[in-house]
Amino acid sequence: MEVRENRDKVASALRSALARDKTRTQVFDISDLGLVEMTRKRISEGLVEALSTTCPMCEGRGIVLDESLL
Protein backbone atom coordinates (compact mmCIF):
# COMPACT_ATOMS: atom_id res chain seq x y z
CA MET A 1 0.00 0.00 0.00
CA GLU A 2 1.49 3.24 -1.09
CA VAL A 3 -1.05 5.61 0.43
CA ARG A 4 -0.26 6.24 4.10
CA GLU A 5 -3.93 6.91 4.90
CA ASN A 6 -4.91 3.44 3.68
CA ARG A 7 -2.19 1.81 5.80
CA ASP A 8 -3.50 3.69 8.84
CA LYS A 9 -7.06 2.50 8.13
CA VAL A 10 -5.94 -1.14 7.89
CA ALA A 11 -3.92 -0.89 11.12
CA SER A 12 -6.88 0.72 12.87
CA ALA A 13 -9.23 -2.04 11.67
CA LEU A 14 -6.78 -4.69 12.88
CA ARG A 15 -6.49 -3.03 16.29
CA SER A 16 -10.26 -2.80 16.70
CA ALA A 17 -10.72 -6.45 15.69
CA LEU A 18 -8.06 -7.54 18.19
CA ALA A 19 -9.64 -5.43 20.93
CA ARG A 20 -12.29 -8.16 21.32
CA ASP A 21 -9.58 -10.73 22.10
CA LYS A 22 -9.04 -11.11 25.83
CA THR A 23 -5.33 -11.81 25.32
CA ARG A 24 -3.21 -8.66 25.43
CA THR A 25 -2.04 -7.77 21.92
CA GLN A 26 0.03 -4.83 20.75
CA VAL A 27 -0.06 -3.78 17.06
CA PHE A 28 2.49 -1.41 15.55
CA ASP A 29 2.17 0.67 12.39
CA ILE A 30 2.51 -0.93 8.97
CA SER A 31 6.05 -0.54 7.63
CA ASP A 32 7.02 0.85 4.24
CA LEU A 33 7.37 -2.77 3.10
CA GLY A 34 3.74 -3.47 4.07
CA LEU A 35 4.55 -5.57 7.13
CA VAL A 36 2.63 -5.39 10.41
CA GLU A 37 4.52 -5.99 13.64
CA MET A 38 2.49 -7.27 16.55
CA THR A 39 3.03 -8.97 19.88
CA ARG A 40 0.63 -11.25 21.71
CA LYS A 41 1.02 -12.37 25.29
CA ARG A 42 1.45 -16.12 25.61
CA ILE A 43 -1.18 -17.51 27.97
CA SER A 44 -0.49 -21.23 27.78
CA GLU A 45 2.36 -23.64 27.25
CA GLY A 46 3.71 -24.27 23.77
CA LEU A 47 2.81 -27.20 21.54
CA VAL A 48 6.02 -29.11 22.28
CA GLU A 49 5.40 -28.90 26.02
CA ALA A 50 1.71 -29.79 25.64
CA LEU A 51 2.32 -32.84 23.45
CA SER A 52 5.44 -34.31 25.06
CA THR A 53 7.08 -35.36 28.31
CA THR A 54 10.69 -35.05 29.46
CA CYS A 55 12.95 -37.84 28.18
CA PRO A 56 13.94 -40.21 31.00
CA MET A 57 16.94 -41.59 29.07
CA CYS A 58 18.89 -38.39 28.57
CA GLU A 59 18.17 -36.61 31.86
CA GLY A 60 15.61 -34.26 30.40
CA ARG A 61 17.55 -32.91 27.44
CA GLY A 62 15.26 -34.52 24.87
CA ILE A 63 11.56 -35.10 24.54
CA VAL A 64 9.33 -38.13 24.07
CA LEU A 65 6.05 -37.53 22.25
CA ASP A 66 2.95 -38.63 24.09
CA GLU A 67 1.52 -41.08 21.53
CA SER A 68 -1.93 -41.05 23.14
CA LEU A 69 -2.33 -37.46 21.94
CA LEU A 70 -1.49 -38.23 18.31
PDB file of N, CA and C in Angstrom:
ATOM      1  N   MET A   1       0.837  -1.177   0.000  1.00  0.00           N
ATOM      2  CA  MET A   1       0.000   0.000   0.000  1.00  0.00           C
ATOM      3  C   MET A   1       0.879   1.235   0.000  1.00  0.00           C
ATOM      4  N   GLU A   2       0.665   2.048  -0.970  1.00  0.00           N
ATOM      5  CA  GLU A   2       1.494   3.244  -1.094  1.00  0.00           C
ATOM      6  C   GLU A   2       0.902   4.439  -0.355  1.00  0.00           C
ATOM      7  N   VAL A   3      -0.406   4.468  -0.212  1.00  0.00           N
ATOM      8  CA  VAL A   3      -1.054   5.609   0.428  1.00  0.00           C
ATOM      9  C   VAL A   3      -1.050   5.410   1.944  1.00  0.00           C
ATOM     10  N   ARG A   4      -0.407   6.325   2.637  1.00  0.00           N
ATOM     11  CA  ARG A   4      -0.264   6.237   4.096  1.00  0.00           C
ATOM     12  C   ARG A   4      -1.623   6.165   4.798  1.00  0.00           C
ATOM     13  N   GLU A   5      -2.591   6.900   4.295  1.00  0.00           N
ATOM     14  CA  GLU A   5      -3.929   6.911   4.902  1.00  0.00           C
ATOM     15  C   GLU A   5      -4.566   5.521   4.873  1.00  0.00           C
ATOM     16  N   ASN A   6      -4.359   4.793   3.781  1.00  0.00           N
ATOM     17  CA  ASN A   6      -4.907   3.436   3.678  1.00  0.00           C
ATOM     18  C   ASN A   6      -4.225   2.489   4.663  1.00  0.00           C
ATOM     19  N   ARG A   7      -2.915   2.634   4.814  1.00  0.00           N
ATOM     20  CA  ARG A   7      -2.194   1.811   5.796  1.00  0.00           C
ATOM     21  C   ARG A   7      -2.709   2.072   7.202  1.00  0.00           C
ATOM     22  N   ASP A   8      -2.972   3.330   7.522  1.00  0.00           N
ATOM     23  CA  ASP A   8      -3.498   3.685   8.838  1.00  0.00           C
ATOM     24  C   ASP A   8      -4.886   3.086   9.063  1.00  0.00           C
ATOM     25  N   LYS A   9      -5.714   3.080   8.019  1.00  0.00           N
ATOM     26  CA  LYS A   9      -7.058   2.500   8.133  1.00  0.00           C
ATOM     27  C   LYS A   9      -6.990   0.991   8.390  1.00  0.00           C
ATOM     28  N   VAL A  10      -6.093   0.316   7.700  1.00  0.00           N
ATOM     29  CA  VAL A  10      -5.939  -1.136   7.890  1.00  0.00           C
ATOM     30  C   VAL A  10      -5.436  -1.435   9.301  1.00  0.00           C
ATOM     31  N   ALA A  11      -4.456  -0.687   9.770  1.00  0.00           N
ATOM     32  CA  ALA A  11      -3.915  -0.885  11.117  1.00  0.00           C
ATOM     33  C   ALA A  11      -4.995  -0.616  12.165  1.00  0.00           C
ATOM     34  N   SER A  12      -5.800   0.395  11.937  1.00  0.00           N
ATOM     35  CA  SER A  12      -6.880   0.715  12.868  1.00  0.00           C
ATOM     36  C   SER A  12      -7.920  -0.399  12.905  1.00  0.00           C
ATOM     37  N   ALA A  13      -8.269  -0.937  11.734  1.00  0.00           N
ATOM     38  CA  ALA A  13      -9.235  -2.039  11.672  1.00  0.00           C
ATOM     39  C   ALA A  13      -8.689  -3.281  12.376  1.00  0.00           C
ATOM     40  N   LEU A  14      -7.410  -3.556  12.212  1.00  0.00           N
ATOM     41  CA  LEU A  14      -6.779  -4.692  12.882  1.00  0.00           C
ATOM     42  C   LEU A  14      -6.800  -4.507  14.396  1.00  0.00           C
ATOM     43  N   ARG A  15      -6.474  -3.312  14.851  1.00  0.00           N
ATOM     44  CA  ARG A  15      -6.492  -3.033  16.293  1.00  0.00           C
ATOM     45  C   ARG A  15      -7.898  -3.189  16.875  1.00  0.00           C
ATOM     46  N   SER A  16      -8.896  -2.699  16.168  1.00  0.00           N
ATOM     47  CA  SER A  16     -10.259  -2.797  16.696  1.00  0.00           C
ATOM     48  C   SER A  16     -10.744  -4.242  16.696  1.00  0.00           C
ATOM     49  N   ALA A  17     -10.346  -5.038  15.711  1.00  0.00           N
ATOM     50  CA  ALA A  17     -10.719  -6.455  15.695  1.00  0.00           C
ATOM     51  C   ALA A  17     -10.044  -7.211  16.831  1.00  0.00           C
ATOM     52  N   LEU A  18      -8.787  -6.873  17.118  1.00  0.00           N
ATOM     53  CA  LEU A  18      -8.059  -7.543  18.188  1.00  0.00           C
ATOM     54  C   LEU A  18      -8.491  -7.063  19.571  1.00  0.00           C
ATOM     55  N   ALA A  19      -9.178  -5.945  19.642  1.00  0.00           N
ATOM     56  CA  ALA A  19      -9.642  -5.429  20.935  1.00  0.00           C
ATOM     57  C   ALA A  19     -10.640  -6.379  21.583  1.00  0.00           C
ATOM     58  N   ARG A  20     -11.324  -7.187  20.783  1.00  0.00           N
ATOM     59  CA  ARG A  20     -12.287  -8.155  21.320  1.00  0.00           C
ATOM     60  C   ARG A  20     -11.612  -9.384  21.918  1.00  0.00           C
ATOM     61  N   ASP A  21     -10.342  -9.588  21.567  1.00  0.00           N
ATOM     62  CA  ASP A  21      -9.584 -10.728  22.096  1.00  0.00           C
ATOM     63  C   ASP A  21      -9.160 -10.421  23.526  1.00  0.00           C
ATOM     64  N   LYS A  22      -9.382 -11.369  24.426  1.00  0.00           N
ATOM     65  CA  LYS A  22      -9.041 -11.112  25.830  1.00  0.00           C
ATOM     66  C   LYS A  22      -7.535 -11.188  26.102  1.00  0.00           C
ATOM     67  N   THR A  23      -6.776 -11.754  25.172  1.00  0.00           N
ATOM     68  CA  THR A  23      -5.325 -11.807  25.317  1.00  0.00           C
ATOM     69  C   THR A  23      -4.726 -10.469  24.900  1.00  0.00           C
ATOM     70  N   ARG A  24      -3.820  -9.967  25.701  1.00  0.00           N
ATOM     71  CA  ARG A  24      -3.207  -8.660  25.434  1.00  0.00           C
ATOM     72  C   ARG A  24      -2.391  -8.716  24.146  1.00  0.00           C
ATOM     73  N   THR A  25      -2.724  -7.833  23.209  1.00  0.00           N
ATOM     74  CA  THR A  25      -2.042  -7.768  21.922  1.00  0.00           C
ATOM     75  C   THR A  25      -1.635  -6.328  21.642  1.00  0.00           C
ATOM     76  N   GLN A  26      -0.450  -6.155  21.098  1.00  0.00           N
ATOM     77  CA  GLN A  26       0.033  -4.826  20.746  1.00  0.00           C
ATOM     78  C   GLN A  26       0.346  -4.820  19.253  1.00  0.00           C
ATOM     79  N   VAL A  27      -0.255  -3.880  18.503  1.00  0.00           N
ATOM     80  CA  VAL A  27      -0.061  -3.778  17.060  1.00  0.00           C
ATOM     81  C   VAL A  27       0.671  -2.480  16.760  1.00  0.00           C
ATOM     82  N   PHE A  28       1.717  -2.572  15.949  1.00  0.00           N
ATOM     83  CA  PHE A  28       2.488  -1.406  15.548  1.00  0.00           C
ATOM     84  C   PHE A  28       2.082  -0.989  14.146  1.00  0.00           C
ATOM     85  N   ASP A  29       2.522   0.161  13.714  1.00  0.00           N
ATOM     86  CA  ASP A  29       2.168   0.670  12.389  1.00  0.00           C
ATOM     87  C   ASP A  29       2.705  -0.238  11.287  1.00  0.00           C
ATOM     88  N   ILE A  30       2.068  -0.164  10.130  1.00  0.00           N
ATOM     89  CA  ILE A  30       2.513  -0.929   8.968  1.00  0.00           C
ATOM     90  C   ILE A  30       3.768  -0.263   8.414  1.00  0.00           C
ATOM     91  N   SER A  31       4.774  -1.078   8.124  1.00  0.00           N
ATOM     92  CA  SER A  31       6.049  -0.542   7.629  1.00  0.00           C
ATOM     93  C   SER A  31       5.938  -0.149   6.162  1.00  0.00           C
ATOM     94  N   ASP A  32       6.983   0.477   5.656  1.00  0.00           N
ATOM     95  CA  ASP A  32       7.022   0.852   4.242  1.00  0.00           C
ATOM     96  C   ASP A  32       6.998  -0.378   3.332  1.00  0.00           C
ATOM     97  N   LEU A  33       7.405  -1.518   3.865  1.00  0.00           N
ATOM     98  CA  LEU A  33       7.368  -2.768   3.101  1.00  0.00           C
ATOM     99  C   LEU A  33       6.013  -3.461   3.180  1.00  0.00           C
ATOM    100  N   GLY A  34       5.086  -2.899   3.949  1.00  0.00           N
ATOM    101  CA  GLY A  34       3.744  -3.470   4.066  1.00  0.00           C
ATOM    102  C   GLY A  34       3.628  -4.537   5.139  1.00  0.00           C
ATOM    103  N   LEU A  35       4.564  -4.572   6.068  1.00  0.00           N
ATOM    104  CA  LEU A  35       4.549  -5.567   7.135  1.00  0.00           C
ATOM    105  C   LEU A  35       3.954  -4.978   8.407  1.00  0.00           C
ATOM    106  N   VAL A  36       3.211  -5.802   9.133  1.00  0.00           N
ATOM    107  CA  VAL A  36       2.634  -5.385  10.407  1.00  0.00           C
ATOM    108  C   VAL A  36       3.370  -6.127  11.512  1.00  0.00           C
ATOM    109  N   GLU A  37       3.907  -5.378  12.467  1.00  0.00           N
ATOM    110  CA  GLU A  37       4.523  -5.994  13.642  1.00  0.00           C
ATOM    111  C   GLU A  37       3.496  -6.016  14.745  1.00  0.00           C
ATOM    112  N   MET A  38       3.402  -7.173  15.418  1.00  0.00           N
ATOM    113  CA  MET A  38       2.490  -7.269  16.545  1.00  0.00           C
ATOM    114  C   MET A  38       3.030  -8.254  17.558  1.00  0.00           C
ATOM    115  N   THR A  39       2.661  -8.047  18.811  1.00  0.00           N
ATOM    116  CA  THR A  39       3.031  -8.966  19.880  1.00  0.00           C
ATOM    117  C   THR A  39       1.756  -9.458  20.525  1.00  0.00           C
ATOM    118  N   ARG A  40       1.801 -10.669  21.028  1.00  0.00           N
ATOM    119  CA  ARG A  40       0.634 -11.247  21.708  1.00  0.00           C
ATOM    120  C   ARG A  40       1.143 -12.008  22.914  1.00  0.00           C
ATOM    121  N   LYS A  41       0.580 -11.724  24.057  1.00  0.00           N
ATOM    122  CA  LYS A  41       1.024 -12.366  25.288  1.00  0.00           C
ATOM    123  C   LYS A  41       0.688 -13.852  25.254  1.00  0.00           C
ATOM    124  N   ARG A  42       1.665 -14.682  25.566  1.00  0.00           N
ATOM    125  CA  ARG A  42       1.449 -16.122  25.607  1.00  0.00           C
ATOM    126  C   ARG A  42       0.708 -16.455  26.901  1.00  0.00           C
ATOM    127  N   ILE A  43      -0.390 -17.198  26.786  1.00  0.00           N
ATOM    128  CA  ILE A  43      -1.185 -17.511  27.970  1.00  0.00           C
ATOM    129  C   ILE A  43      -1.162 -18.992  28.325  1.00  0.00           C
ATOM    130  N   SER A  44      -0.559 -19.802  27.477  1.00  0.00           N
ATOM    131  CA  SER A  44      -0.487 -21.228  27.782  1.00  0.00           C
ATOM    132  C   SER A  44       0.859 -21.774  27.328  1.00  0.00           C
ATOM    133  N   GLU A  45       1.111 -23.026  27.655  1.00  0.00           N
ATOM    134  CA  GLU A  45       2.364 -23.638  27.252  1.00  0.00           C
ATOM    135  C   GLU A  45       2.387 -23.866  25.743  1.00  0.00           C
ATOM    136  N   GLY A  46       3.567 -24.045  25.196  1.00  0.00           N
ATOM    137  CA  GLY A  46       3.713 -24.266  23.766  1.00  0.00           C
ATOM    138  C   GLY A  46       3.289 -25.662  23.358  1.00  0.00           C
ATOM    139  N   LEU A  47       3.227 -25.906  22.053  1.00  0.00           N
ATOM    140  CA  LEU A  47       2.808 -27.204  21.540  1.00  0.00           C
ATOM    141  C   LEU A  47       3.751 -28.323  21.948  1.00  0.00           C
ATOM    142  N   VAL A  48       5.058 -28.056  21.917  1.00  0.00           N
ATOM    143  CA  VAL A  48       6.022 -29.108  22.283  1.00  0.00           C
ATOM    144  C   VAL A  48       5.793 -29.533  23.732  1.00  0.00           C
ATOM    145  N   GLU A  49       5.613 -28.574  24.616  1.00  0.00           N
ATOM    146  CA  GLU A  49       5.396 -28.902  26.021  1.00  0.00           C
ATOM    147  C   GLU A  49       4.050 -29.601  26.227  1.00  0.00           C
ATOM    148  N   ALA A  50       3.041 -29.208  25.481  1.00  0.00           N
ATOM    149  CA  ALA A  50       1.707 -29.786  25.641  1.00  0.00           C
ATOM    150  C   ALA A  50       1.631 -31.214  25.118  1.00  0.00           C
ATOM    151  N   LEU A  51       2.421 -31.537  24.091  1.00  0.00           N
ATOM    152  CA  LEU A  51       2.323 -32.843  23.450  1.00  0.00           C
ATOM    153  C   LEU A  51       3.475 -33.788  23.773  1.00  0.00           C
ATOM    154  N   SER A  52       4.300 -33.461  24.760  1.00  0.00           N
ATOM    155  CA  SER A  52       5.442 -34.307  25.059  1.00  0.00           C
ATOM    156  C   SER A  52       5.722 -34.348  26.553  1.00  0.00           C
ATOM    157  N   THR A  53       6.597 -35.268  26.930  1.00  0.00           N
ATOM    158  CA  THR A  53       7.078 -35.358  28.309  1.00  0.00           C
ATOM    159  C   THR A  53       8.606 -35.352  28.275  1.00  0.00           C
ATOM    160  N   THR A  54       9.235 -35.076  29.395  1.00  0.00           N
ATOM    161  CA  THR A  54      10.694 -35.046  29.457  1.00  0.00           C
ATOM    162  C   THR A  54      11.254 -36.450  29.243  1.00  0.00           C
ATOM    163  N   CYS A  55      12.332 -36.554  28.505  1.00  0.00           N
ATOM    164  CA  CYS A  55      12.950 -37.840  28.184  1.00  0.00           C
ATOM    165  C   CYS A  55      13.666 -38.409  29.413  1.00  0.00           C
ATOM    166  N   PRO A  56      13.291 -39.616  29.844  1.00  0.00           N
ATOM    167  CA  PRO A  56      13.938 -40.211  31.004  1.00  0.00           C
ATOM    168  C   PRO A  56      15.335 -40.771  30.701  1.00  0.00           C
ATOM    169  N   MET A  57      15.671 -40.986  29.441  1.00  0.00           N
ATOM    170  CA  MET A  57      16.940 -41.593  29.067  1.00  0.00           C
ATOM    171  C   MET A  57      18.102 -40.594  29.029  1.00  0.00           C
ATOM    172  N   CYS A  58      17.797 -39.351  28.737  1.00  0.00           N
ATOM    173  CA  CYS A  58      18.890 -38.385  28.567  1.00  0.00           C
ATOM    174  C   CYS A  58      18.826 -37.273  29.616  1.00  0.00           C
ATOM    175  N   GLU A  59      18.236 -37.553  30.743  1.00  0.00           N
ATOM    176  CA  GLU A  59      18.173 -36.611  31.863  1.00  0.00           C
ATOM    177  C   GLU A  59      17.482 -35.301  31.495  1.00  0.00           C
ATOM    178  N   GLY A  60      16.438 -35.419  30.684  1.00  0.00           N
ATOM    179  CA  GLY A  60      15.606 -34.260  30.403  1.00  0.00           C
ATOM    180  C   GLY A  60      16.050 -33.381  29.264  1.00  0.00           C
ATOM    181  N   ARG A  61      17.087 -33.769  28.533  1.00  0.00           N
ATOM    182  CA  ARG A  61      17.546 -32.911  27.435  1.00  0.00           C
ATOM    183  C   ARG A  61      16.792 -33.160  26.135  1.00  0.00           C
ATOM    184  N   GLY A  62      16.054 -34.217  26.060  1.00  0.00           N
ATOM    185  CA  GLY A  62      15.263 -34.524  24.865  1.00  0.00           C
ATOM    186  C   GLY A  62      13.796 -34.596  25.228  1.00  0.00           C
ATOM    187  N   ILE A  63      12.987 -34.962  24.278  1.00  0.00           N
ATOM    188  CA  ILE A  63      11.559 -35.095  24.542  1.00  0.00           C
ATOM    189  C   ILE A  63      11.066 -36.411  23.967  1.00  0.00           C
ATOM    190  N   VAL A  64       9.992 -36.942  24.552  1.00  0.00           N
ATOM    191  CA  VAL A  64       9.330 -38.131  24.072  1.00  0.00           C
ATOM    192  C   VAL A  64       7.887 -37.732  23.815  1.00  0.00           C
ATOM    193  N   LEU A  65       7.427 -37.902  22.571  1.00  0.00           N
ATOM    194  CA  LEU A  65       6.054 -37.533  22.252  1.00  0.00           C
ATOM    195  C   LEU A  65       5.076 -38.452  22.947  1.00  0.00           C
ATOM    196  N   ASP A  66       4.013 -37.877  23.460  1.00  0.00           N
ATOM    197  CA  ASP A  66       2.950 -38.632  24.088  1.00  0.00           C
ATOM    198  C   ASP A  66       2.054 -39.188  22.996  1.00  0.00           C
ATOM    199  N   GLU A  67       2.216 -40.474  22.661  1.00  0.00           N
ATOM    200  CA  GLU A  67       1.520 -41.078  21.527  1.00  0.00           C
ATOM    201  C   GLU A  67       0.014 -41.119  21.717  1.00  0.00           C
ATOM    202  N   SER A  68      -0.480 -41.037  22.923  1.00  0.00           N
ATOM    203  CA  SER A  68      -1.931 -41.050  23.135  1.00  0.00           C
ATOM    204  C   SER A  68      -2.591 -39.768  22.627  1.00  0.00           C
ATOM    205  N   LEU A  69      -1.785 -38.725  22.437  1.00  0.00           N
ATOM    206  CA  LEU A  69      -2.328 -37.456  21.944  1.00  0.00           C
ATOM    207  C   LEU A  69      -2.270 -37.348  20.432  1.00  0.00           C
ATOM    208  N   LEU A  70      -1.617 -38.285  19.776  1.00  0.00           N
ATOM    209  CA  LEU A  70      -1.485 -38.232  18.307  1.00  0.00           C
ATOM    210  C   LEU A  70      -2.646 -38.884  17.614  1.00  0.00           C
TER     211      LEU A  70
END
